Amino acid sequence: MHFEITPHKSRRSTMSKRGRGGSAGNKFRMSLGLPVAATVNCADNTGAKNLYIISVKGIKGRLNRLPSACVGDMVMATVKKGKPDLRKKVMPAVIVRQRKPWRRKDGVFMYFEDNAGVIVNPKGEMKGSAITGPIGKECADLWPRIASAANAIV
């Protein structure tokens, strides 16, 4: 009698990790440093001073856990300080810097001196034309329009 043994393929390897689907794309798991209700600086020249995170795109969630964002994530945000025409509207933004250290694949722990985001449209094209300060490599890899406007990618 001849039996052929086939290796069992884990279901986990074919499925995407939970909470990272959708617009974030295929990204390495990072330390999530910006929960809902966090206020971040606005790093572009749209006239907004800071952004208030109200939700994170692509997070499915767990009971009583706040959805959190990291560098490269798209969030829905409102402008708390800035031009009156930008305030009191919900708009998409992409996180470009975070203070919380995260580990890169090469073992380096990386963090920035502030939390910052840029206002984008739903496709990921920037509303402004320039970015102040550096942006994370994780963000530049996912959002080419943001990478082209950045003066430094770290």
N, C-alpha and C. Protein backbone atom coordinates (compact mmCIF):
# COMPACT_ATOMS: atom_id res chain seq x y z
N MET A 1 0.83 -1.18 0.00
CA MET A 1 0.00 0.00 0.00
C MET A 1 0.88 1.25 0.00
N HIS A 2 0.51 2.24 -0.80
CA HIS A 2 1.33 3.45 -0.93
C HIS A 2 0.50 4.67 -0.53
N PHE A 3 1.00 5.41 0.46
CA PHE A 3 0.32 6.63 0.88
C PHE A 3 1.19 7.83 0.54
N GLU A 4 0.57 8.87 0.05
CA GLU A 4 1.31 10.09 -0.23
C GLU A 4 0.97 11.11 0.85
N ILE A 5 1.97 11.59 1.51
CA ILE A 5 1.75 12.55 2.58
C ILE A 5 1.98 13.95 2.03
N THR A 6 0.95 14.75 2.11
CA THR A 6 1.09 16.14 1.66
C THR A 6 1.20 17.02 2.89
N PRO A 7 2.12 17.96 2.88
CA PRO A 7 2.25 18.84 4.04
C PRO A 7 0.99 19.69 4.20
N HIS A 8 0.53 19.79 5.44
CA HIS A 8 -0.67 20.58 5.73
C HIS A 8 -0.34 22.05 5.61
N LYS A 9 -1.08 22.75 4.77
CA LYS A 9 -0.84 24.18 4.58
C LYS A 9 -1.63 24.95 5.63
N SER A 10 -0.94 25.76 6.37
CA SER A 10 -1.59 26.54 7.42
C SER A 10 -2.51 27.58 6.79
N ARG A 11 -3.69 27.71 7.38
CA ARG A 11 -4.64 28.68 6.89
C ARG A 11 -4.16 30.10 7.18
N ARG A 12 -3.38 30.24 8.24
CA ARG A 12 -2.88 31.54 8.67
C ARG A 12 -1.95 32.16 7.63
N SER A 13 -1.18 31.32 6.93
CA SER A 13 -0.18 31.86 6.00
C SER A 13 -0.83 32.49 4.77
N THR A 14 -2.02 32.02 4.39
CA THR A 14 -2.66 32.56 3.20
C THR A 14 -3.53 33.78 3.53
N MET A 15 -4.00 33.85 4.76
CA MET A 15 -4.85 34.98 5.14
C MET A 15 -4.00 36.17 5.56
N SER A 16 -4.56 37.36 5.37
CA SER A 16 -3.83 38.53 5.85
C SER A 16 -4.04 38.65 7.35
N LYS A 17 -3.11 39.31 8.01
CA LYS A 17 -3.23 39.51 9.44
C LYS A 17 -4.42 40.41 9.73
N ARG A 18 -5.04 40.21 10.87
CA ARG A 18 -6.24 40.96 11.19
C ARG A 18 -5.96 42.44 11.39
N GLY A 19 -6.90 43.26 10.96
CA GLY A 19 -6.83 44.68 11.23
C GLY A 19 -5.90 45.47 10.33
N ARG A 20 -5.24 44.83 9.38
CA ARG A 20 -4.32 45.55 8.51
C ARG A 20 -4.76 45.47 7.05
N GLY A 21 -5.98 45.04 6.79
CA GLY A 21 -6.44 44.94 5.41
C GLY A 21 -6.80 46.31 4.85
N GLY A 22 -7.37 46.35 3.68
CA GLY A 22 -7.86 47.60 3.11
C GLY A 22 -6.77 48.47 2.52
N SER A 23 -6.88 49.77 2.76
CA SER A 23 -6.04 50.73 2.07
C SER A 23 -4.58 50.74 2.53
N ALA A 24 -4.30 50.16 3.69
CA ALA A 24 -2.93 50.20 4.19
C ALA A 24 -1.98 49.37 3.35
N GLY A 25 -2.49 48.41 2.61
CA GLY A 25 -1.65 47.60 1.73
C GLY A 25 -0.89 46.54 2.51
N ASN A 26 0.12 45.97 1.90
CA ASN A 26 0.89 44.92 2.53
C ASN A 26 2.04 45.56 3.29
N LYS A 27 1.89 45.71 4.59
CA LYS A 27 2.86 46.44 5.39
C LYS A 27 3.30 45.59 6.57
N PHE A 28 4.58 45.70 6.93
CA PHE A 28 5.11 44.99 8.09
C PHE A 28 4.44 45.50 9.36
N ARG A 29 4.17 44.60 10.29
CA ARG A 29 3.50 44.97 11.54
C ARG A 29 4.35 45.94 12.35
N MET A 30 3.75 47.07 12.76
CA MET A 30 4.47 48.10 13.50
C MET A 30 3.80 48.37 14.83
N SER A 31 4.52 49.04 15.74
CA SER A 31 3.92 49.50 16.99
C SER A 31 2.97 50.64 16.67
N LEU A 32 1.73 50.49 17.09
CA LEU A 32 0.70 51.49 16.78
C LEU A 32 0.77 52.59 17.83
N GLY A 33 1.12 53.79 17.42
CA GLY A 33 1.38 54.85 18.38
C GLY A 33 0.31 55.92 18.48
N LEU A 34 -0.70 55.90 17.59
CA LEU A 34 -1.67 56.99 17.57
C LEU A 34 -3.10 56.45 17.60
N PRO A 35 -3.71 56.36 18.79
CA PRO A 35 -5.08 55.87 18.87
C PRO A 35 -6.09 56.92 18.41
N VAL A 36 -7.32 56.51 18.27
CA VAL A 36 -8.40 57.45 17.97
C VAL A 36 -8.43 58.51 19.07
N ALA A 37 -8.70 59.75 18.70
CA ALA A 37 -8.74 60.93 19.58
C ALA A 37 -7.36 61.53 19.82
N ALA A 38 -6.32 61.03 19.13
CA ALA A 38 -5.00 61.65 19.22
C ALA A 38 -4.97 62.89 18.32
N THR A 39 -4.24 63.90 18.75
CA THR A 39 -4.04 65.10 17.95
C THR A 39 -2.61 65.08 17.42
N VAL A 40 -2.46 65.23 16.10
CA VAL A 40 -1.13 65.23 15.48
C VAL A 40 -0.91 66.54 14.74
N ASN A 41 0.34 66.91 14.55
CA ASN A 41 0.67 68.11 13.76
C ASN A 41 0.35 67.86 12.30
N CYS A 42 0.01 68.92 11.59
CA CYS A 42 -0.20 68.81 10.15
C CYS A 42 1.10 69.24 9.47
N ALA A 43 1.71 68.32 8.71
CA ALA A 43 3.05 68.55 8.16
C ALA A 43 3.04 69.08 6.74
N ASP A 44 1.89 69.52 6.23
CA ASP A 44 1.86 70.06 4.86
C ASP A 44 1.50 71.54 4.87
N ASN A 45 1.41 72.13 3.68
CA ASN A 45 1.17 73.58 3.58
C ASN A 45 -0.28 73.90 3.20
N THR A 46 -1.22 73.11 3.68
CA THR A 46 -2.64 73.36 3.37
C THR A 46 -3.23 74.49 4.21
N GLY A 47 -2.60 74.80 5.33
CA GLY A 47 -3.14 75.83 6.23
C GLY A 47 -3.68 75.25 7.52
N ALA A 48 -3.70 73.93 7.63
CA ALA A 48 -4.12 73.28 8.87
C ALA A 48 -2.93 73.21 9.82
N LYS A 49 -3.18 73.43 11.11
CA LYS A 49 -2.09 73.36 12.10
C LYS A 49 -2.02 71.98 12.74
N ASN A 50 -3.18 71.43 13.13
CA ASN A 50 -3.17 70.08 13.69
C ASN A 50 -4.39 69.28 13.25
N LEU A 51 -4.28 67.97 13.37
CA LEU A 51 -5.32 67.04 12.93
C LEU A 51 -5.75 66.18 14.11
N TYR A 52 -7.05 65.95 14.24
CA TYR A 52 -7.61 65.12 15.30
C TYR A 52 -8.10 63.82 14.66
N ILE A 53 -7.52 62.69 15.05
CA ILE A 53 -7.86 61.40 14.44
C ILE A 53 -9.21 60.92 14.97
N ILE A 54 -10.14 60.62 14.04
CA ILE A 54 -11.44 60.10 14.47
C ILE A 54 -11.64 58.63 14.11
N SER A 55 -10.91 58.12 13.12
CA SER A 55 -10.96 56.68 12.82
C SER A 55 -9.73 56.30 12.00
N VAL A 56 -9.46 54.99 11.95
CA VAL A 56 -8.32 54.47 11.19
C VAL A 56 -8.85 53.54 10.12
N LYS A 57 -8.45 53.78 8.87
CA LYS A 57 -8.91 52.95 7.75
C LYS A 57 -8.32 51.55 7.85
N GLY A 58 -9.15 50.55 7.56
CA GLY A 58 -8.68 49.17 7.47
C GLY A 58 -8.58 48.44 8.80
N ILE A 59 -9.01 49.06 9.90
CA ILE A 59 -8.99 48.38 11.20
C ILE A 59 -10.36 47.78 11.44
N LYS A 60 -10.39 46.48 11.65
CA LYS A 60 -11.67 45.82 11.91
C LYS A 60 -12.03 45.88 13.39
N GLY A 61 -11.05 45.68 14.26
CA GLY A 61 -11.27 45.98 15.66
C GLY A 61 -11.52 44.79 16.57
N ARG A 62 -11.48 45.10 17.86
CA ARG A 62 -11.70 44.14 18.94
C ARG A 62 -12.45 44.91 20.01
N LEU A 63 -13.32 44.23 20.75
CA LEU A 63 -14.13 44.88 21.77
C LEU A 63 -13.25 45.65 22.77
N ASN A 64 -13.62 46.90 23.00
CA ASN A 64 -12.95 47.81 23.95
C ASN A 64 -11.52 48.20 23.56
N ARG A 65 -11.05 47.85 22.38
CA ARG A 65 -9.71 48.27 21.95
C ARG A 65 -9.84 49.47 21.03
N LEU A 66 -9.10 50.53 21.33
CA LEU A 66 -9.14 51.72 20.47
C LEU A 66 -8.41 51.44 19.17
N PRO A 67 -9.01 51.75 18.03
CA PRO A 67 -8.27 51.63 16.76
C PRO A 67 -7.08 52.58 16.80
N SER A 68 -5.92 52.10 16.40
CA SER A 68 -4.71 52.92 16.43
C SER A 68 -4.02 52.92 15.08
N ALA A 69 -3.30 54.00 14.82
CA ALA A 69 -2.60 54.17 13.55
C ALA A 69 -1.10 54.24 13.78
N CYS A 70 -0.34 53.99 12.72
CA CYS A 70 1.11 54.15 12.76
C CYS A 70 1.54 54.80 11.44
N VAL A 71 2.83 54.94 11.24
CA VAL A 71 3.36 55.60 10.04
C VAL A 71 2.90 54.85 8.79
N GLY A 72 2.31 55.59 7.86
CA GLY A 72 1.83 54.99 6.61
C GLY A 72 0.35 54.67 6.60
N ASP A 73 -0.32 54.76 7.75
CA ASP A 73 -1.75 54.45 7.80
C ASP A 73 -2.59 55.64 7.36
N MET A 74 -3.70 55.33 6.68
CA MET A 74 -4.66 56.38 6.36
C MET A 74 -5.67 56.47 7.50
N VAL A 75 -5.95 57.68 7.93
CA VAL A 75 -6.92 57.92 8.99
C VAL A 75 -7.96 58.92 8.51
N MET A 76 -9.10 58.95 9.17
CA MET A 76 -10.07 60.01 8.95
C MET A 76 -9.84 61.02 10.06
N ALA A 77 -9.71 62.28 9.70
CA ALA A 77 -9.33 63.30 10.67
C ALA A 77 -10.11 64.59 10.45
N THR A 78 -10.14 65.40 11.49
CA THR A 78 -10.69 66.75 11.38
C THR A 78 -9.59 67.74 11.77
N VAL A 79 -9.72 68.96 11.27
CA VAL A 79 -8.75 70.01 11.59
C VAL A 79 -9.26 70.76 12.82
N LYS A 80 -8.44 70.82 13.87
CA LYS A 80 -8.83 71.51 15.10
C LYS A 80 -8.33 72.95 15.12
N LYS A 81 -7.17 73.19 14.51
CA LYS A 81 -6.63 74.56 14.41
C LYS A 81 -6.18 74.77 12.99
N GLY A 82 -6.51 75.90 12.43
CA GLY A 82 -6.09 76.19 11.06
C GLY A 82 -7.10 77.06 10.33
N LYS A 83 -7.02 77.05 9.00
CA LYS A 83 -7.92 77.87 8.18
C LYS A 83 -9.38 77.49 8.43
N PRO A 84 -10.25 78.50 8.49
CA PRO A 84 -11.67 78.21 8.76
C PRO A 84 -12.33 77.31 7.70
N ASP A 85 -11.88 77.39 6.44
CA ASP A 85 -12.50 76.56 5.40
C ASP A 85 -12.12 75.08 5.54
N LEU A 86 -11.05 74.77 6.29
CA LEU A 86 -10.66 73.37 6.51
C LEU A 86 -11.31 72.78 7.76
N ARG A 87 -11.69 73.64 8.70
CA ARG A 87 -12.24 73.17 9.97
C ARG A 87 -13.66 72.62 9.82
N LYS A 88 -14.06 71.78 10.80
CA LYS A 88 -15.41 71.20 10.88
C LYS A 88 -15.76 70.32 9.68
N LYS A 89 -14.75 69.71 9.08
CA LYS A 89 -14.96 68.75 7.99
C LYS A 89 -14.15 67.50 8.28
N VAL A 90 -14.70 66.34 7.90
CA VAL A 90 -13.97 65.08 8.04
C VAL A 90 -13.22 64.84 6.74
N MET A 91 -11.92 64.61 6.83
CA MET A 91 -11.10 64.41 5.63
C MET A 91 -10.06 63.31 5.87
N PRO A 92 -9.66 62.61 4.81
CA PRO A 92 -8.62 61.59 4.99
C PRO A 92 -7.24 62.23 5.16
N ALA A 93 -6.42 61.57 5.95
CA ALA A 93 -5.04 62.02 6.16
C ALA A 93 -4.15 60.78 6.28
N VAL A 94 -2.87 60.94 6.02
CA VAL A 94 -1.91 59.84 6.15
C VAL A 94 -0.88 60.23 7.21
N ILE A 95 -0.61 59.31 8.13
CA ILE A 95 0.37 59.56 9.19
C ILE A 95 1.78 59.43 8.60
N VAL A 96 2.62 60.46 8.81
CA VAL A 96 3.98 60.44 8.27
C VAL A 96 5.06 60.32 9.35
N ARG A 97 4.73 60.70 10.61
CA ARG A 97 5.69 60.58 11.72
C ARG A 97 4.96 60.17 12.99
N GLN A 98 5.65 59.39 13.85
CA GLN A 98 5.10 59.07 15.17
C GLN A 98 6.22 59.02 16.20
N ARG A 99 5.87 59.39 17.45
CA ARG A 99 6.85 59.40 18.54
C ARG A 99 7.11 58.01 19.09
N LYS A 100 6.13 57.14 19.01
CA LYS A 100 6.26 55.78 19.56
C LYS A 100 7.31 54.99 18.77
N PRO A 101 8.33 54.43 19.44
CA PRO A 101 9.33 53.65 18.69
C PRO A 101 8.74 52.39 18.08
N TRP A 102 9.17 52.07 16.86
CA TRP A 102 8.76 50.81 16.23
C TRP A 102 10.01 50.13 15.69
N ARG A 103 9.91 48.82 15.53
CA ARG A 103 11.06 48.03 15.10
C ARG A 103 10.97 47.77 13.61
N ARG A 104 12.07 48.06 12.90
CA ARG A 104 12.12 47.75 11.47
C ARG A 104 12.67 46.33 11.28
N LYS A 105 12.51 45.82 10.06
CA LYS A 105 12.93 44.44 9.75
C LYS A 105 14.42 44.21 10.05
N ASP A 106 15.23 45.25 9.87
CA ASP A 106 16.68 45.11 10.10
C ASP A 106 17.06 45.20 11.58
N GLY A 107 16.08 45.33 12.47
CA GLY A 107 16.33 45.34 13.91
C GLY A 107 16.49 46.72 14.52
N VAL A 108 16.48 47.76 13.71
CA VAL A 108 16.64 49.13 14.20
C VAL A 108 15.31 49.61 14.78
N PHE A 109 15.38 50.26 15.95
CA PHE A 109 14.19 50.89 16.51
C PHE A 109 14.19 52.35 16.08
N MET A 110 13.08 52.79 15.53
CA MET A 110 12.98 54.10 14.88
C MET A 110 11.87 54.91 15.54
N TYR A 111 12.11 56.21 15.75
CA TYR A 111 11.03 57.09 16.19
C TYR A 111 11.36 58.53 15.80
N PHE A 112 10.32 59.36 15.77
CA PHE A 112 10.47 60.77 15.40
C PHE A 112 10.25 61.64 16.63
N GLU A 113 10.56 62.93 16.50
CA GLU A 113 10.39 63.83 17.65
C GLU A 113 8.96 64.34 17.80
N ASP A 114 8.11 64.14 16.78
CA ASP A 114 6.71 64.54 16.91
C ASP A 114 5.81 63.58 16.14
N ASN A 115 4.50 63.73 16.36
CA ASN A 115 3.50 62.99 15.59
C ASN A 115 3.00 63.93 14.51
N ALA A 116 2.93 63.46 13.26
CA ALA A 116 2.48 64.34 12.18
C ALA A 116 1.78 63.56 11.09
N GLY A 117 0.89 64.26 10.39
CA GLY A 117 0.18 63.68 9.26
C GLY A 117 0.01 64.72 8.16
N VAL A 118 -0.40 64.26 6.98
CA VAL A 118 -0.69 65.16 5.86
C VAL A 118 -2.10 64.88 5.35
N ILE A 119 -2.78 65.93 4.91
CA ILE A 119 -4.13 65.79 4.38
C ILE A 119 -4.05 65.30 2.93
N VAL A 120 -4.85 64.29 2.62
CA VAL A 120 -4.87 63.71 1.27
C VAL A 120 -6.32 63.61 0.80
N ASN A 121 -6.50 63.23 -0.48
CA ASN A 121 -7.84 62.88 -0.96
C ASN A 121 -8.00 61.37 -0.81
N PRO A 122 -9.19 60.81 -1.06
CA PRO A 122 -9.37 59.36 -0.86
C PRO A 122 -8.43 58.48 -1.69
N LYS A 123 -7.90 59.01 -2.82
CA LYS A 123 -6.97 58.23 -3.65
C LYS A 123 -5.54 58.26 -3.10
N GLY A 124 -5.24 59.15 -2.17
CA GLY A 124 -3.90 59.25 -1.61
C GLY A 124 -3.07 60.37 -2.20
N GLU A 125 -3.70 61.26 -2.98
CA GLU A 125 -2.98 62.41 -3.54
C GLU A 125 -3.05 63.56 -2.54
N MET A 126 -1.92 64.21 -2.31
CA MET A 126 -1.86 65.27 -1.31
C MET A 126 -2.68 66.49 -1.69
N LYS A 127 -3.29 67.10 -0.66
CA LYS A 127 -4.02 68.35 -0.89
C LYS A 127 -3.04 69.51 -0.97
N GLY A 128 -1.99 69.47 -0.17
CA GLY A 128 -0.95 70.49 -0.21
C GLY A 128 0.11 70.14 -1.24
N SER A 129 1.15 70.98 -1.31
CA SER A 129 2.21 70.74 -2.30
C SER A 129 3.58 70.50 -1.67
N ALA A 130 3.71 70.72 -0.36
CA ALA A 130 5.01 70.55 0.31
C ALA A 130 4.82 69.93 1.68
N ILE A 131 5.86 69.24 2.15
CA ILE A 131 5.84 68.63 3.48
C ILE A 131 7.00 69.20 4.28
N THR A 132 6.73 69.60 5.53
CA THR A 132 7.79 70.08 6.41
C THR A 132 8.31 68.91 7.23
N GLY A 133 9.62 68.79 7.33
CA GLY A 133 10.23 67.73 8.13
C GLY A 133 10.32 66.41 7.38
N PRO A 134 10.98 65.42 8.00
CA PRO A 134 11.16 64.12 7.36
C PRO A 134 9.90 63.27 7.43
N ILE A 135 9.83 62.23 6.59
CA ILE A 135 8.74 61.26 6.67
C ILE A 135 9.35 59.86 6.77
N GLY A 136 8.57 58.93 7.28
CA GLY A 136 9.03 57.55 7.44
C GLY A 136 9.09 56.81 6.11
N LYS A 137 10.04 55.88 6.02
CA LYS A 137 10.20 55.07 4.80
C LYS A 137 8.96 54.22 4.55
N GLU A 138 8.30 53.77 5.63
CA GLU A 138 7.09 52.95 5.51
C GLU A 138 5.98 53.72 4.80
N CYS A 139 5.89 55.01 5.09
CA CYS A 139 4.90 55.87 4.44
C CYS A 139 5.28 56.12 2.98
N ALA A 140 6.55 56.37 2.73
CA ALA A 140 7.02 56.65 1.37
C ALA A 140 6.81 55.46 0.44
N ASP A 141 6.98 54.24 0.97
CA ASP A 141 6.79 53.03 0.15
C ASP A 141 5.34 52.85 -0.26
N LEU A 142 4.41 53.21 0.64
CA LEU A 142 2.98 52.99 0.37
C LEU A 142 2.34 54.13 -0.41
N TRP A 143 2.82 55.35 -0.23
CA TRP A 143 2.18 56.53 -0.81
C TRP A 143 3.18 57.29 -1.67
N PRO A 144 3.31 56.97 -2.96
CA PRO A 144 4.32 57.62 -3.82
C PRO A 144 4.12 59.13 -3.98
N ARG A 145 2.86 59.60 -3.96
CA ARG A 145 2.62 61.05 -4.10
C ARG A 145 3.16 61.82 -2.90
N ILE A 146 3.05 61.21 -1.72
CA ILE A 146 3.58 61.85 -0.51
C ILE A 146 5.12 61.81 -0.54
N ALA A 147 5.68 60.70 -1.01
CA ALA A 147 7.14 60.56 -1.08
C ALA A 147 7.76 61.59 -2.01
N SER A 148 7.07 61.90 -3.11
CA SER A 148 7.62 62.87 -4.06
C SER A 148 7.63 64.29 -3.50
N ALA A 149 6.72 64.59 -2.55
CA ALA A 149 6.66 65.93 -1.97
C ALA A 149 7.58 66.07 -0.75
N ALA A 150 8.08 64.96 -0.22
CA ALA A 150 8.91 65.02 0.99
C ALA A 150 10.33 65.47 0.68
N ASN A 151 10.91 66.23 1.62
CA ASN A 151 12.30 66.65 1.41
C ASN A 151 13.29 65.67 2.04
N ALA A 152 12.83 64.83 2.97
CA ALA A 152 13.70 63.81 3.57
C ALA A 152 12.89 62.57 3.91
N ILE A 153 13.40 61.40 3.50
CA ILE A 153 12.76 60.13 3.83
C ILE A 153 13.72 59.37 4.73
N VAL A 154 13.26 59.05 5.95
CA VAL A 154 14.12 58.41 6.95
C VAL A 154 13.67 56.98 7.16
